[in-house]
């Protein structure tokens, strides 16, 4: 999966319910099920251009929603920082050889960070 498809899929996960039913269906078939425009058109009984237009409008709507809210960008930054904090905490456990009161506190921190990531 290329970066653009991954980004579009993330936008869809966050904002997909705000699309029309047809936009959701065609977007999902194209990006998540990896069907071609022709395959979707054949299933739907419309032209390839019609499918393209619906998917393009859906993508444009998703990008506009992200531009207005910044939700996906914030989620990605938060996820990265949680991963960074978890890496630092694991390094602290290693440095304390996993023993002592400090190590126990750091282990609790790691569990909390993992819970936040899920």
C-alpha atoms as a PDB file:
ATOM      1  CA  UNK A   1       0.000   0.000   0.000  1.00  0.00           C
ATOM      2  CA  UNK A   2       1.527   3.305  -1.041  1.00  0.00           C
ATOM      3  CA  UNK A   3       1.593   6.388   1.189  1.00  0.00           C
ATOM      4  CA  UNK A   4      -1.234   8.138  -0.665  1.00  0.00           C
ATOM      5  CA  UNK A   5      -3.543   5.123  -0.367  1.00  0.00           C
ATOM      6  CA  UNK A   6      -2.646   4.715   3.299  1.00  0.00           C
ATOM      7  CA  UNK A   7      -3.399   8.405   3.942  1.00  0.00           C
ATOM      8  CA  UNK A   8      -6.723   8.186   2.089  1.00  0.00           C
ATOM      9  CA  UNK A   9      -7.643   5.055   4.032  1.00  0.00           C
ATOM     10  CA  UNK A  10      -6.893   6.829   7.310  1.00  0.00           C
ATOM     11  CA  UNK A  11      -9.053   9.773   6.256  1.00  0.00           C
ATOM     12  CA  UNK A  12     -11.796   7.314   5.374  1.00  0.00           C
ATOM     13  CA  UNK A  13     -11.505   5.637   8.788  1.00  0.00           C
ATOM     14  CA  UNK A  14     -11.932   8.976  10.534  1.00  0.00           C
ATOM     15  CA  UNK A  15     -14.439  10.712   8.261  1.00  0.00           C
ATOM     16  CA  UNK A  16     -15.997   8.008   6.083  1.00  0.00           C
ATOM     17  CA  UNK A  17     -19.372   8.159   7.800  1.00  0.00           C
ATOM     18  CA  UNK A  18     -19.725  11.750   6.570  1.00  0.00           C
ATOM     19  CA  UNK A  19     -19.666  10.638   2.929  1.00  0.00           C
ATOM     20  CA  UNK A  20     -22.714   9.540   0.976  1.00  0.00           C
ATOM     21  CA  UNK A  21     -23.463   5.830   0.907  1.00  0.00           C
ATOM     22  CA  UNK A  22     -22.355   5.575  -2.728  1.00  0.00           C
ATOM     23  CA  UNK A  23     -19.124   7.480  -2.037  1.00  0.00           C
ATOM     24  CA  UNK A  24     -18.364   5.176   0.914  1.00  0.00           C
ATOM     25  CA  UNK A  25     -19.075   2.057  -1.112  1.00  0.00           C
ATOM     26  CA  UNK A  26     -17.003   3.026  -4.165  1.00  0.00           C
ATOM     27  CA  UNK A  27     -14.167   4.455  -2.080  1.00  0.00           C
ATOM     28  CA  UNK A  28     -14.003   1.252  -0.049  1.00  0.00           C
ATOM     29  CA  UNK A  29     -14.030  -0.943  -3.135  1.00  0.00           C
ATOM     30  CA  UNK A  30     -11.308   1.112  -4.791  1.00  0.00           C
ATOM     31  CA  UNK A  31      -8.945   1.816  -1.891  1.00  0.00           C
ATOM     32  CA  UNK A  32      -9.586  -1.035   0.546  1.00  0.00           C
ATOM     33  CA  UNK A  33     -10.696  -3.883  -1.715  1.00  0.00           C
ATOM     34  CA  UNK A  34      -8.287  -2.837  -4.491  1.00  0.00           C
ATOM     35  CA  UNK A  35     -10.840  -3.121  -7.292  1.00  0.00           C
ATOM     36  CA  UNK A  36     -10.198  -1.175 -10.489  1.00  0.00           C
ATOM     37  CA  UNK A  37     -12.474   1.597 -11.694  1.00  0.00           C
ATOM     38  CA  UNK A  38     -13.655  -0.732 -14.474  1.00  0.00           C
ATOM     39  CA  UNK A  39     -14.505  -3.511 -12.018  1.00  0.00           C
ATOM     40  CA  UNK A  40     -16.489  -1.138  -9.821  1.00  0.00           C
ATOM     41  CA  UNK A  41     -18.250   0.343 -12.856  1.00  0.00           C
ATOM     42  CA  UNK A  42     -19.228  -3.116 -14.059  1.00  0.00           C
ATOM     43  CA  UNK A  43     -20.630  -4.044 -10.636  1.00  0.00           C
ATOM     44  CA  UNK A  44     -22.505  -0.757 -10.307  1.00  0.00           C
ATOM     45  CA  UNK A  45     -23.756  -0.645 -13.872  1.00  0.00           C
ATOM     46  CA  UNK A  46     -22.345   2.823 -14.525  1.00  0.00           C
ATOM     47  CA  UNK A  47     -19.481   4.203 -16.559  1.00  0.00           C
ATOM     48  CA  UNK A  48     -15.862   4.079 -15.463  1.00  0.00           C
ATOM     49  CA  UNK A  49     -15.884   7.899 -15.572  1.00  0.00           C
ATOM     50  CA  UNK A  50     -18.892   7.957 -13.233  1.00  0.00           C
ATOM     51  CA  UNK A  51     -17.039   5.805 -10.708  1.00  0.00           C
ATOM     52  CA  UNK A  52     -13.940   7.991 -11.040  1.00  0.00           C
ATOM     53  CA  UNK A  53     -15.991  11.151 -10.418  1.00  0.00           C
ATOM     54  CA  UNK A  54     -17.639   9.713  -7.293  1.00  0.00           C
ATOM     55  CA  UNK A  55     -14.335   8.504  -5.831  1.00  0.00           C
ATOM     56  CA  UNK A  56     -12.625  11.805  -6.659  1.00  0.00           C
ATOM     57  CA  UNK A  57     -15.408  13.778  -4.941  1.00  0.00           C
ATOM     58  CA  UNK A  58     -15.153  11.492  -1.915  1.00  0.00           C
ATOM     59  CA  UNK A  59     -11.374  11.970  -1.709  1.00  0.00           C
ATOM     60  CA  UNK A  60     -11.749  15.722  -2.051  1.00  0.00           C
ATOM     61  CA  UNK A  61     -14.358  15.776   0.731  1.00  0.00           C
ATOM     62  CA  UNK A  62     -12.142  13.715   3.031  1.00  0.00           C
ATOM     63  CA  UNK A  63      -9.142  15.980   2.431  1.00  0.00           C
ATOM     64  CA  UNK A  64     -11.278  19.076   3.066  1.00  0.00           C
ATOM     65  CA  UNK A  65     -12.517  17.613   6.348  1.00  0.00           C
ATOM     66  CA  UNK A  66      -8.955  16.913   7.440  1.00  0.00           C
ATOM     67  CA  UNK A  67      -7.841  20.390   6.391  1.00  0.00           C
ATOM     68  CA  UNK A  68     -10.606  21.910   8.527  1.00  0.00           C
ATOM     69  CA  UNK A  69     -10.160  19.707  11.581  1.00  0.00           C
ATOM     70  CA  UNK A  70      -6.577  18.413  11.546  1.00  0.00           C
ATOM     71  CA  UNK A  71      -7.792  15.304  13.396  1.00  0.00           C
ATOM     72  CA  UNK A  72      -5.753  12.750  11.456  1.00  0.00           C
ATOM     73  CA  UNK A  73      -2.564  14.813  11.676  1.00  0.00           C
ATOM     74  CA  UNK A  74      -3.008  15.244  15.412  1.00  0.00           C
ATOM     75  CA  UNK A  75      -3.730  11.522  15.819  1.00  0.00           C
ATOM     76  CA  UNK A  76      -0.547  10.642  13.887  1.00  0.00           C
ATOM     77  CA  UNK A  77       1.572  13.054  15.953  1.00  0.00           C
ATOM     78  CA  UNK A  78       0.115  11.703  19.198  1.00  0.00           C
ATOM     79  CA  UNK A  79       0.725   8.117  18.102  1.00  0.00           C
ATOM     80  CA  UNK A  80       4.357   8.942  17.233  1.00  0.00           C
ATOM     81  CA  UNK A  81       4.939  10.658  20.569  1.00  0.00           C
ATOM     82  CA  UNK A  82       3.418   7.720  22.438  1.00  0.00           C
ATOM     83  CA  UNK A  83       5.766   5.389  20.590  1.00  0.00           C
ATOM     84  CA  UNK A  84       8.710   7.665  21.426  1.00  0.00           C
ATOM     85  CA  UNK A  85       7.724   7.756  25.112  1.00  0.00           C
ATOM     86  CA  UNK A  86       7.404   3.979  25.149  1.00  0.00           C
ATOM     87  CA  UNK A  87      10.882   3.615  23.623  1.00  0.00           C
ATOM     88  CA  UNK A  88      12.347   5.932  26.271  1.00  0.00           C
ATOM     89  CA  UNK A  89      10.550   4.047  29.049  1.00  0.00           C
ATOM     90  CA  UNK A  90      11.852   0.715  27.775  1.00  0.00           C
ATOM     91  CA  UNK A  91      15.369   2.155  27.701  1.00  0.00           C
ATOM     92  CA  UNK A  92      14.948   3.240  31.332  1.00  0.00           C
ATOM     93  CA  UNK A  93      13.911  -0.308  32.247  1.00  0.00           C
ATOM     94  CA  UNK A  94      17.014  -1.602  30.488  1.00  0.00           C
ATOM     95  CA  UNK A  95      19.217   0.908  32.306  1.00  0.00           C
ATOM     96  CA  UNK A  96      17.834  -0.146  35.701  1.00  0.00           C
ATOM     97  CA  UNK A  97      18.208  -3.806  34.708  1.00  0.00           C
ATOM     98  CA  UNK A  98      14.479  -4.197  35.379  1.00  0.00           C
ATOM     99  CA  UNK A  99      14.953  -4.078  39.149  1.00  0.00           C
ATOM    100  CA  UNK A 100      14.041  -1.645  41.862  1.00  0.00           C
ATOM    101  CA  UNK A 101      11.294   0.846  42.558  1.00  0.00           C
ATOM    102  CA  UNK A 102      12.182   3.033  39.565  1.00  0.00           C
ATOM    103  CA  UNK A 103      11.974   0.081  37.191  1.00  0.00           C
ATOM    104  CA  UNK A 104       8.558  -0.853  38.562  1.00  0.00           C
ATOM    105  CA  UNK A 105       7.267   2.677  38.011  1.00  0.00           C
ATOM    106  CA  UNK A 106       8.620   2.702  34.481  1.00  0.00           C
ATOM    107  CA  UNK A 107       6.972  -0.661  33.809  1.00  0.00           C
ATOM    108  CA  UNK A 108       3.658   0.849  34.923  1.00  0.00           C
ATOM    109  CA  UNK A 109       4.315   3.755  32.591  1.00  0.00           C
ATOM    110  CA  UNK A 110       4.927   1.366  29.686  1.00  0.00           C
ATOM    111  CA  UNK A 111       1.614  -0.374  30.403  1.00  0.00           C
ATOM    112  CA  UNK A 112      -0.177   2.977  30.456  1.00  0.00           C
ATOM    113  CA  UNK A 113       1.424   4.022  27.178  1.00  0.00           C
ATOM    114  CA  UNK A 114       0.441   0.738  25.557  1.00  0.00           C
ATOM    115  CA  UNK A 115      -3.127   1.242  26.766  1.00  0.00           C
ATOM    116  CA  UNK A 116      -3.194   4.733  25.248  1.00  0.00           C
ATOM    117  CA  UNK A 117      -1.984   3.370  21.903  1.00  0.00           C
ATOM    118  CA  UNK A 118      -4.878   0.888  21.765  1.00  0.00           C
END
